[in-house]
Protein backbone atom coordinates (compact mmCIF):
# COMPACT_ATOMS: atom_id res chain seq x y z
CA MET A 1 109.88 97.66 41.02
CA LEU A 2 111.69 95.57 43.65
CA ASN A 3 114.75 97.78 43.15
CA VAL A 4 112.89 100.29 45.30
CA LEU A 5 113.55 98.04 48.32
CA GLU A 6 117.31 98.45 47.72
CA LEU A 7 116.98 102.10 48.60
CA PHE A 8 116.51 101.41 52.29
CA ARG A 9 119.78 101.89 54.24
CA PRO A 10 120.71 102.68 57.95
CA ASP A 11 121.04 106.35 56.96
CA GLN A 12 117.79 106.23 54.86
CA PRO A 13 115.08 104.24 56.67
CA VAL A 14 112.32 106.21 54.94
CA ILE A 15 112.00 106.96 51.21
CA GLY A 16 109.67 108.92 49.03
CA VAL A 17 109.08 109.73 45.39
CA ASP A 18 111.92 112.22 45.24
CA ILE A 19 114.50 109.68 46.44
CA ILE A 20 113.22 106.99 44.08
CA CYS A 21 113.40 109.33 41.06
CA ARG A 22 116.87 110.69 42.02
CA GLU A 23 118.52 107.36 42.74
CA LEU A 24 116.75 105.02 40.34
CA ALA A 25 115.98 107.63 37.54
CA TYR A 26 112.33 106.55 37.44
CA THR A 27 109.63 109.03 36.45
CA PRO A 28 107.34 110.38 39.24
CA ALA A 29 104.39 108.44 37.76
CA SER A 30 106.36 105.15 37.90
CA ALA A 31 107.60 105.97 41.47
CA TYR A 32 104.03 106.58 42.69
CA ARG A 33 102.80 103.36 41.09
CA TYR A 34 105.57 101.24 42.58
CA LEU A 35 105.00 102.70 46.04
CA ARG A 36 101.33 101.95 45.83
CA GLU A 37 101.84 98.39 44.58
CA LEU A 38 104.54 97.61 47.23
CA GLY A 39 102.23 99.06 49.86
CA ASP A 40 99.34 96.92 48.76
CA ALA A 41 101.55 93.88 48.99
CA GLY A 42 102.51 94.84 52.61
CA LEU A 43 106.16 95.38 51.74
CA LEU A 44 105.97 99.09 52.44
CA VAL A 45 103.97 101.09 54.92
CA ARG A 46 103.13 104.75 54.59
CA LEU A 47 104.32 107.19 57.27
CA PRO A 48 104.02 110.96 57.53
CA ARG A 49 107.49 111.52 56.02
CA GLY A 50 107.33 108.82 53.32
CA TYR A 51 107.44 105.05 53.20
CA ALA A 52 109.18 102.49 55.47
CA LEU A 53 109.55 98.73 55.25
CA GLY A 54 106.24 97.01 55.92
CA PRO A 55 105.02 94.10 58.09
CA ARG A 56 105.24 91.62 55.21
CA ILE A 57 108.97 91.81 55.48
CA ILE A 58 108.94 90.54 59.05
CA ALA A 59 106.51 87.73 58.01
CA LEU A 60 108.75 86.59 55.25
CA GLU A 61 111.82 86.75 57.54
CA ALA A 62 110.02 84.49 60.09
CA GLN A 63 109.16 82.04 57.27
CA MET A 64 112.79 81.99 56.06
CA THR A 65 114.16 81.53 59.54
CA GLU A 66 111.98 78.46 60.27
CA TYR A 67 111.68 76.76 56.90
CA ASP A 68 114.26 77.91 54.40
CA PRO A 69 115.83 74.70 52.92
CA LEU A 70 119.37 75.99 53.29
CA LEU A 71 118.92 76.87 56.97
CA VAL A 72 117.02 73.59 57.67
CA CYS A 73 119.84 71.59 56.07
CA SER A 74 122.68 73.49 57.81
CA ARG A 75 121.67 74.04 61.45
CA ASP A 76 123.08 70.86 63.01
CA LEU A 77 126.27 71.15 60.97
CA VAL A 78 126.83 74.72 62.23
CA ASP A 79 126.21 73.51 65.80
CA LYS A 80 128.83 70.80 65.35
CA LEU A 81 131.42 73.18 64.06
CA VAL A 82 130.88 75.53 67.03
CA ALA A 83 130.93 72.63 69.55
CA ALA A 84 134.21 71.31 68.06
CA THR A 85 136.08 74.57 67.90
CA GLY A 86 134.41 77.24 70.02
CA LEU A 87 134.61 79.50 67.00
CA ASP A 88 131.61 81.26 65.47
CA ALA A 89 129.99 79.62 62.43
CA LEU A 90 128.07 81.34 59.70
CA ILE A 91 125.89 80.47 56.73
CA SER A 92 125.85 83.14 54.06
CA GLU A 93 124.05 83.54 50.82
CA TRP A 94 125.12 85.26 47.61
CA HIS A 95 123.02 88.17 46.44
CA GLY A 96 124.16 90.41 43.59
CA ASP A 97 127.59 91.98 44.32
CA SER A 98 127.49 90.88 48.00
CA VAL A 99 126.86 88.13 50.41
CA VAL A 100 124.50 88.23 53.36
CA ASN A 101 124.80 86.28 56.60
CA VAL A 102 121.50 84.38 57.08
CA LEU A 103 122.62 82.17 60.04
CA ILE A 104 125.06 82.93 62.79
CA LYS A 105 125.90 80.63 65.63
CA ARG A 106 128.11 82.14 68.30
CA GLY A 107 130.88 80.18 69.92
CA SER A 108 132.75 80.81 73.15
CA ASP A 109 134.79 83.48 71.36
CA THR A 110 133.73 87.14 71.86
CA GLY A 111 133.80 89.96 69.32
CA PRO A 112 132.05 91.12 66.12
CA VAL A 113 130.94 88.59 63.55
CA GLY A 114 131.51 89.77 59.89
CA GLY A 115 128.85 92.16 58.85
CA GLY A 116 126.29 90.71 61.26
CA ARG A 117 123.13 88.84 60.24
CA GLY A 118 121.32 90.36 57.32
CA LYS A 119 123.91 93.02 56.49
CA PRO A 120 125.58 92.78 53.03
CA ILE A 121 129.25 92.21 52.75
CA ASP A 122 130.99 93.11 49.46
CA LEU A 123 132.54 90.30 47.50
CA PHE A 124 136.14 91.49 47.95
CA HIS A 125 136.54 91.43 51.76
CA SER A 126 136.57 88.34 54.11
CA ALA A 127 136.83 84.64 53.37
CA THR A 128 133.04 84.47 53.47
CA SER A 129 132.67 86.65 50.40
CA ARG A 130 135.82 85.81 48.35
CA VAL A 131 135.17 82.14 48.36
CA VAL A 132 131.78 82.80 46.70
CA LEU A 133 133.36 85.22 44.14
CA ALA A 134 135.94 82.48 43.31
CA TYR A 135 133.32 80.05 42.22
CA LEU A 136 131.23 82.42 40.01
CA LEU A 137 131.54 82.03 36.17
CA PRO A 138 134.51 83.79 34.63
CA ARG A 139 132.28 86.33 32.85
CA GLN A 140 130.47 87.13 36.11
CA ILE A 141 133.83 87.62 37.95
CA ARG A 142 135.10 89.88 35.19
CA ARG A 143 131.86 92.02 35.24
CA ILE A 144 131.99 92.44 39.02
CA PHE A 145 135.69 93.28 38.90
CA ASP A 146 135.15 95.88 36.18
CA ALA A 147 132.19 97.38 38.03
CA HIS A 148 134.09 97.85 41.20
CA ALA A 149 137.66 98.54 39.89
CA ASN A 150 137.46 102.20 40.81
CA LYS A 151 135.49 101.80 44.02
CA PRO A 152 136.93 101.89 47.51
CA GLU A 153 136.25 98.19 48.27
CA LEU A 154 138.60 97.13 45.45
CA LYS A 155 140.79 100.17 44.54
CA HIS A 156 142.66 100.19 47.81
CA LEU A 157 143.65 96.57 47.37
CA GLY A 158 145.73 97.74 44.32
CA LEU A 159 144.98 94.56 42.32
CA GLU A 160 145.14 94.25 38.58
CA TRP A 161 142.84 91.87 36.77
CA LYS A 162 145.56 89.19 36.11
CA GLU A 163 146.71 89.19 39.75
CA PHE A 164 143.13 89.22 41.03
CA SER A 165 141.94 86.33 38.79
CA LYS A 166 145.03 84.28 39.80
CA SER A 167 144.10 84.77 43.57
CA LEU A 168 140.61 83.46 42.96
CA LEU A 169 141.95 80.47 40.97
CA ALA A 170 144.15 79.62 43.99
CA ILE A 171 141.08 79.63 46.19
CA ARG A 172 139.29 77.13 43.84
CA LYS A 173 142.37 74.83 43.89
CA LEU A 174 142.34 74.80 47.68
CA GLY A 175 138.54 74.51 47.99
CA TYR A 176 138.45 77.11 50.80
CA CYS A 177 139.54 80.69 51.61
CA LEU A 178 141.36 82.11 54.61
CA SER A 179 141.31 85.73 55.72
CA GLU A 180 142.65 87.82 58.59
CA SER A 181 141.69 91.27 59.86
CA GLU A 182 139.72 92.13 56.75
CA LEU A 183 136.47 93.14 58.42
CA HIS A 184 137.63 93.36 62.04
CA SER A 185 141.23 93.63 63.37
CA GLY A 186 142.62 90.56 65.00
CA ARG A 187 139.87 88.26 63.73
CA MET A 188 140.40 85.32 61.27
CA GLY A 189 137.97 83.35 59.12
CA VAL A 190 137.96 80.25 56.89
CA ALA A 191 135.15 79.67 54.44
CA ALA A 192 134.05 77.04 51.97
CA PRO A 193 131.53 77.30 49.12
CA ILE A 194 127.92 76.05 49.18
CA PHE A 195 126.46 74.75 45.96
CA ASP A 196 123.05 73.79 44.60
CA GLU A 197 122.30 70.44 42.88
CA LYS A 198 123.82 71.78 39.65
CA ARG A 199 127.06 72.93 41.34
CA ARG A 200 126.19 76.59 41.09
CA VAL A 201 127.48 78.55 44.05
CA LEU A 202 124.78 79.65 46.50
CA GLY A 203 126.89 81.04 49.31
CA SER A 204 129.38 79.90 51.89
CA ILE A 205 129.90 78.37 55.33
CA THR A 206 132.44 80.01 57.52
CA MET A 207 134.17 79.70 60.88
CA VAL A 208 135.43 82.96 62.36
CA GLY A 209 137.05 84.05 65.63
CA ARG A 210 139.97 85.74 67.32
CA ARG A 211 143.44 85.09 65.93
CA GLU A 212 144.47 83.48 69.29
CA ARG A 213 141.54 81.08 69.09
CA PHE A 214 142.43 80.10 65.59
CA SER A 215 146.08 79.53 66.54
CA ALA A 216 144.97 76.94 69.09
CA PHE A 217 144.25 74.57 66.17
CA GLN A 218 146.24 73.22 63.28
CA GLU A 219 145.16 75.11 60.17
CA SER A 220 144.67 71.82 58.32
CA PHE A 221 142.34 70.58 61.04
CA LEU A 222 140.08 73.61 60.72
CA CYS A 223 140.08 73.53 56.95
CA ASP A 224 139.29 69.82 56.76
CA LEU A 225 136.56 70.21 59.37
CA LEU A 226 134.94 73.08 57.41
CA THR A 227 135.23 71.45 54.04
CA SER A 228 133.79 68.16 55.31
CA ALA A 229 130.77 70.15 56.68
CA ALA A 230 130.37 71.97 53.37
CA THR A 231 130.52 68.69 51.38
CA GLU A 232 127.80 67.18 53.71
CA LEU A 233 125.65 70.41 53.35
CA ASN A 234 126.05 70.33 49.55
CA GLY A 235 124.85 66.70 49.47
CA ARG A 236 121.84 67.58 51.61
CA ILE A 237 120.91 70.51 49.39
CA ALA A 238 121.09 68.33 46.28
CA GLN A 239 118.73 65.80 47.82
CA HIS A 240 116.29 68.26 49.43
């Protein structure tokens, strides 16, 4: 039923039974039932042209912003990274075949920040995403690779499985991932993984900014600064 919520996109802010049946292959009876149940829960609201996201979404977003354990544990660390470098700092969470930025702290740099807060980024572009992909289980990585092998986000990279898996292993050996001009031209990023108490990857912590700003620091300084913050954050999560 919750798959219905995945149908909302910038080009599709309102959905109806026809869209649900076409994109999810549900029967009309199931589509009507799910719309009714999601509406009763406040997750959808009925409009003349169909259904839009409901007020419960905003309430849950406010709850997460104030009290989500990952955000509570990371805010001061993100502030310190920004103060020390002037770069932007992000906290991102893994969801399915993408990551989502859940916290963005702007530095003195100007320019776009990844996909923006709340916008999914596929697992193949940017340090923020690839460092998460590198720490998934081998079978998860292979499933994701096979599912996207013929899609634009991976096909244009021209990577075969052996080469691709080696690149992820290299990230794991380093403990961080660097990227340049993958989401926005002239911008660089460095990301480290975030884990739960059982060392399962949850997401990533990233610093991002203009190439010129990055070049003002030694690469080793930025990477050590970020991985130290990630280590502290992982410890806090384990104890929370």
